[in-house]
Amino acid sequence: MNDTIKKLNSIIARVLRISETNINDLTSPETVPSWDSYNALMLVSELEAGFSVHFTIDEVVAVKNVGDVKAALRKHGIEL
């Protein structure tokens, strides 16, 4: 696991209050009870700050799971 993935998982784990070992590409609001609308906004904010990117509304709405988060980050030039 590279440092960028570790950073991503660390942010997700902290915001959603889950173990990093429980995070995979299919992790989603359906599988994580704490991934509610408030924490979704917090996650966007923390990811933007942590990776120095700014997501569009369309990108935010398109995210359904961690795999989608990775795809959005890749669009902004973040290598995962």
N, C-alpha and C. Protein backbone atom coordinates (compact mmCIF):
# COMPACT_ATOMS: atom_id res chain seq x y z
N MET A 1 0.86 -1.18 0.00
CA MET A 1 0.00 0.00 0.00
C MET A 1 0.90 1.24 0.00
N ASN A 2 0.66 2.13 -0.96
CA ASN A 2 1.51 3.31 -1.04
C ASN A 2 1.07 4.40 -0.05
N ASP A 3 1.90 5.41 0.10
CA ASP A 3 1.64 6.46 1.09
C ASP A 3 0.36 7.24 0.80
N THR A 4 0.03 7.42 -0.48
CA THR A 4 -1.18 8.17 -0.83
C THR A 4 -2.43 7.41 -0.41
N ILE A 5 -2.41 6.10 -0.63
CA ILE A 5 -3.54 5.26 -0.21
C ILE A 5 -3.64 5.26 1.32
N LYS A 6 -2.50 5.19 2.00
CA LYS A 6 -2.50 5.25 3.46
C LYS A 6 -3.10 6.56 3.95
N LYS A 7 -2.73 7.66 3.30
CA LYS A 7 -3.26 8.97 3.66
C LYS A 7 -4.77 9.02 3.45
N LEU A 8 -5.22 8.51 2.30
CA LEU A 8 -6.65 8.48 2.00
C LEU A 8 -7.40 7.65 3.05
N ASN A 9 -6.91 6.45 3.33
CA ASN A 9 -7.57 5.60 4.31
C ASN A 9 -7.57 6.22 5.70
N SER A 10 -6.51 6.91 6.04
CA SER A 10 -6.43 7.58 7.33
C SER A 10 -7.51 8.65 7.46
N ILE A 11 -7.68 9.44 6.41
CA ILE A 11 -8.70 10.49 6.41
C ILE A 11 -10.09 9.88 6.52
N ILE A 12 -10.35 8.87 5.71
CA ILE A 12 -11.67 8.22 5.73
C ILE A 12 -11.94 7.62 7.11
N ALA A 13 -10.97 6.92 7.66
CA ALA A 13 -11.14 6.28 8.97
C ALA A 13 -11.41 7.32 10.05
N ARG A 14 -10.67 8.43 10.02
CA ARG A 14 -10.84 9.47 11.04
C ARG A 14 -12.22 10.12 10.95
N VAL A 15 -12.62 10.50 9.74
CA VAL A 15 -13.90 11.19 9.56
C VAL A 15 -15.08 10.27 9.89
N LEU A 16 -15.00 9.02 9.43
CA LEU A 16 -16.13 8.10 9.61
C LEU A 16 -16.03 7.29 10.91
N ARG A 17 -14.92 7.45 11.63
CA ARG A 17 -14.71 6.75 12.89
C ARG A 17 -14.80 5.23 12.71
N ILE A 18 -14.04 4.75 11.73
CA ILE A 18 -13.96 3.31 11.47
C ILE A 18 -12.49 2.90 11.40
N SER A 19 -12.23 1.61 11.45
CA SER A 19 -10.87 1.09 11.33
C SER A 19 -10.42 1.14 9.87
N GLU A 20 -9.16 1.49 9.67
CA GLU A 20 -8.61 1.50 8.31
C GLU A 20 -8.69 0.11 7.67
N THR A 21 -8.66 -0.93 8.49
CA THR A 21 -8.72 -2.29 7.94
C THR A 21 -10.09 -2.60 7.34
N ASN A 22 -11.10 -1.79 7.66
CA ASN A 22 -12.45 -2.00 7.13
C ASN A 22 -12.70 -1.23 5.84
N ILE A 23 -11.69 -0.56 5.32
CA ILE A 23 -11.87 0.28 4.14
C ILE A 23 -11.39 -0.45 2.89
N ASN A 24 -12.29 -0.50 1.89
CA ASN A 24 -11.93 -1.01 0.57
C ASN A 24 -12.73 -0.23 -0.46
N ASP A 25 -12.56 -0.54 -1.74
CA ASP A 25 -13.23 0.24 -2.79
C ASP A 25 -14.75 0.19 -2.70
N LEU A 26 -15.30 -0.83 -2.07
CA LEU A 26 -16.75 -0.96 -1.97
C LEU A 26 -17.32 -0.35 -0.69
N THR A 27 -16.46 0.17 0.18
CA THR A 27 -16.93 0.85 1.38
C THR A 27 -17.80 2.02 0.95
N SER A 28 -19.00 2.11 1.55
CA SER A 28 -19.98 3.11 1.10
C SER A 28 -20.92 3.48 2.25
N PRO A 29 -21.80 4.46 2.01
CA PRO A 29 -22.79 4.79 3.03
C PRO A 29 -23.67 3.60 3.40
N GLU A 30 -23.83 2.66 2.49
CA GLU A 30 -24.65 1.47 2.77
C GLU A 30 -23.94 0.49 3.71
N THR A 31 -22.61 0.55 3.75
CA THR A 31 -21.86 -0.39 4.58
C THR A 31 -21.28 0.24 5.84
N VAL A 32 -21.34 1.58 5.93
CA VAL A 32 -20.79 2.30 7.08
C VAL A 32 -21.87 3.21 7.66
N PRO A 33 -22.45 2.84 8.79
CA PRO A 33 -23.53 3.63 9.39
C PRO A 33 -23.17 5.10 9.65
N SER A 34 -21.90 5.37 9.96
CA SER A 34 -21.51 6.76 10.26
C SER A 34 -21.33 7.62 9.00
N TRP A 35 -21.42 7.00 7.80
CA TRP A 35 -21.29 7.75 6.55
C TRP A 35 -22.64 8.36 6.22
N ASP A 36 -23.01 9.38 6.98
CA ASP A 36 -24.28 10.07 6.76
C ASP A 36 -24.01 11.36 6.00
N SER A 37 -25.04 12.18 5.81
CA SER A 37 -24.87 13.39 5.01
C SER A 37 -23.88 14.36 5.63
N TYR A 38 -23.88 14.48 6.95
CA TYR A 38 -22.93 15.38 7.62
C TYR A 38 -21.50 14.89 7.41
N ASN A 39 -21.26 13.62 7.68
CA ASN A 39 -19.90 13.10 7.53
C ASN A 39 -19.47 13.04 6.06
N ALA A 40 -20.40 12.95 5.15
CA ALA A 40 -20.06 13.02 3.73
C ALA A 40 -19.48 14.40 3.41
N LEU A 41 -20.10 15.43 3.94
CA LEU A 41 -19.58 16.80 3.74
C LEU A 41 -18.22 16.98 4.42
N MET A 42 -18.09 16.41 5.62
CA MET A 42 -16.81 16.48 6.33
C MET A 42 -15.73 15.74 5.55
N LEU A 43 -16.09 14.62 4.96
CA LEU A 43 -15.14 13.84 4.18
C LEU A 43 -14.65 14.63 2.97
N VAL A 44 -15.57 15.28 2.27
CA VAL A 44 -15.20 16.11 1.12
C VAL A 44 -14.23 17.20 1.57
N SER A 45 -14.56 17.88 2.64
CA SER A 45 -13.72 18.96 3.15
C SER A 45 -12.33 18.46 3.53
N GLU A 46 -12.27 17.35 4.25
CA GLU A 46 -10.98 16.80 4.68
C GLU A 46 -10.15 16.29 3.50
N LEU A 47 -10.81 15.69 2.51
CA LEU A 47 -10.09 15.22 1.33
C LEU A 47 -9.55 16.40 0.53
N GLU A 48 -10.36 17.44 0.37
CA GLU A 48 -9.89 18.62 -0.35
C GLU A 48 -8.69 19.24 0.34
N ALA A 49 -8.75 19.36 1.65
CA ALA A 49 -7.64 19.95 2.41
C ALA A 49 -6.42 19.02 2.38
N GLY A 50 -6.64 17.75 2.57
CA GLY A 50 -5.54 16.80 2.65
C GLY A 50 -4.79 16.59 1.35
N PHE A 51 -5.50 16.73 0.23
CA PHE A 51 -4.89 16.49 -1.07
C PHE A 51 -4.77 17.76 -1.92
N SER A 52 -5.11 18.91 -1.34
CA SER A 52 -5.03 20.20 -2.04
C SER A 52 -5.76 20.18 -3.38
N VAL A 53 -7.00 19.72 -3.35
CA VAL A 53 -7.85 19.69 -4.54
C VAL A 53 -9.18 20.36 -4.21
N HIS A 54 -9.96 20.63 -5.24
CA HIS A 54 -11.31 21.16 -5.05
C HIS A 54 -12.24 20.37 -5.96
N PHE A 55 -13.18 19.66 -5.34
CA PHE A 55 -14.13 18.85 -6.10
C PHE A 55 -15.30 19.70 -6.58
N THR A 56 -15.80 19.38 -7.77
CA THR A 56 -17.01 20.04 -8.28
C THR A 56 -18.22 19.38 -7.62
N ILE A 57 -19.34 20.05 -7.69
CA ILE A 57 -20.58 19.48 -7.15
C ILE A 57 -20.89 18.16 -7.86
N ASP A 58 -20.68 18.11 -9.18
CA ASP A 58 -20.94 16.88 -9.93
C ASP A 58 -20.07 15.73 -9.44
N GLU A 59 -18.80 16.02 -9.12
CA GLU A 59 -17.92 14.97 -8.60
C GLU A 59 -18.40 14.49 -7.24
N VAL A 60 -18.80 15.40 -6.39
CA VAL A 60 -19.27 15.04 -5.05
C VAL A 60 -20.52 14.17 -5.14
N VAL A 61 -21.45 14.54 -5.99
CA VAL A 61 -22.70 13.80 -6.14
C VAL A 61 -22.46 12.42 -6.74
N ALA A 62 -21.44 12.29 -7.57
CA ALA A 62 -21.16 11.03 -8.25
C ALA A 62 -20.53 9.99 -7.32
N VAL A 63 -20.00 10.42 -6.20
CA VAL A 63 -19.31 9.48 -5.29
C VAL A 63 -20.33 8.62 -4.55
N LYS A 64 -20.20 7.32 -4.76
CA LYS A 64 -21.09 6.35 -4.10
C LYS A 64 -20.33 5.42 -3.18
N ASN A 65 -18.98 5.38 -3.32
CA ASN A 65 -18.16 4.50 -2.49
C ASN A 65 -16.70 4.97 -2.55
N VAL A 66 -15.83 4.28 -1.85
CA VAL A 66 -14.42 4.66 -1.79
C VAL A 66 -13.76 4.55 -3.17
N GLY A 67 -14.17 3.60 -3.97
CA GLY A 67 -13.64 3.50 -5.33
C GLY A 67 -13.91 4.76 -6.13
N ASP A 68 -15.09 5.34 -5.95
CA ASP A 68 -15.43 6.59 -6.62
C ASP A 68 -14.60 7.75 -6.09
N VAL A 69 -14.30 7.74 -4.79
CA VAL A 69 -13.44 8.77 -4.21
C VAL A 69 -12.07 8.71 -4.88
N LYS A 70 -11.53 7.51 -5.03
CA LYS A 70 -10.23 7.34 -5.68
C LYS A 70 -10.27 7.85 -7.12
N ALA A 71 -11.35 7.56 -7.84
CA ALA A 71 -11.48 8.02 -9.22
C ALA A 71 -11.51 9.54 -9.29
N ALA A 72 -12.22 10.16 -8.35
CA ALA A 72 -12.29 11.63 -8.30
C ALA A 72 -10.92 12.22 -8.02
N LEU A 73 -10.19 11.62 -7.11
CA LEU A 73 -8.84 12.11 -6.81
C LEU A 73 -7.91 11.95 -8.01
N ARG A 74 -8.04 10.83 -8.73
CA ARG A 74 -7.22 10.62 -9.92
C ARG A 74 -7.48 11.69 -10.97
N LYS A 75 -8.74 12.11 -11.09
CA LYS A 75 -9.09 13.19 -12.05
C LYS A 75 -8.35 14.48 -11.73
N HIS A 76 -7.98 14.64 -10.47
CA HIS A 76 -7.27 15.84 -10.03
C HIS A 76 -5.77 15.62 -9.97
N GLY A 77 -5.30 14.54 -10.60
CA GLY A 77 -3.87 14.31 -10.71
C GLY A 77 -3.23 13.61 -9.51
N ILE A 78 -4.04 13.10 -8.60
CA ILE A 78 -3.51 12.38 -7.45
C ILE A 78 -3.27 10.93 -7.86
N GLU A 79 -2.04 10.48 -7.73
CA GLU A 79 -1.71 9.09 -8.09
C GLU A 79 -1.94 8.18 -6.89
N LEU A 80 -2.77 7.18 -7.11
CA LEU A 80 -3.10 6.23 -6.04
C LEU A 80 -2.60 4.84 -6.39
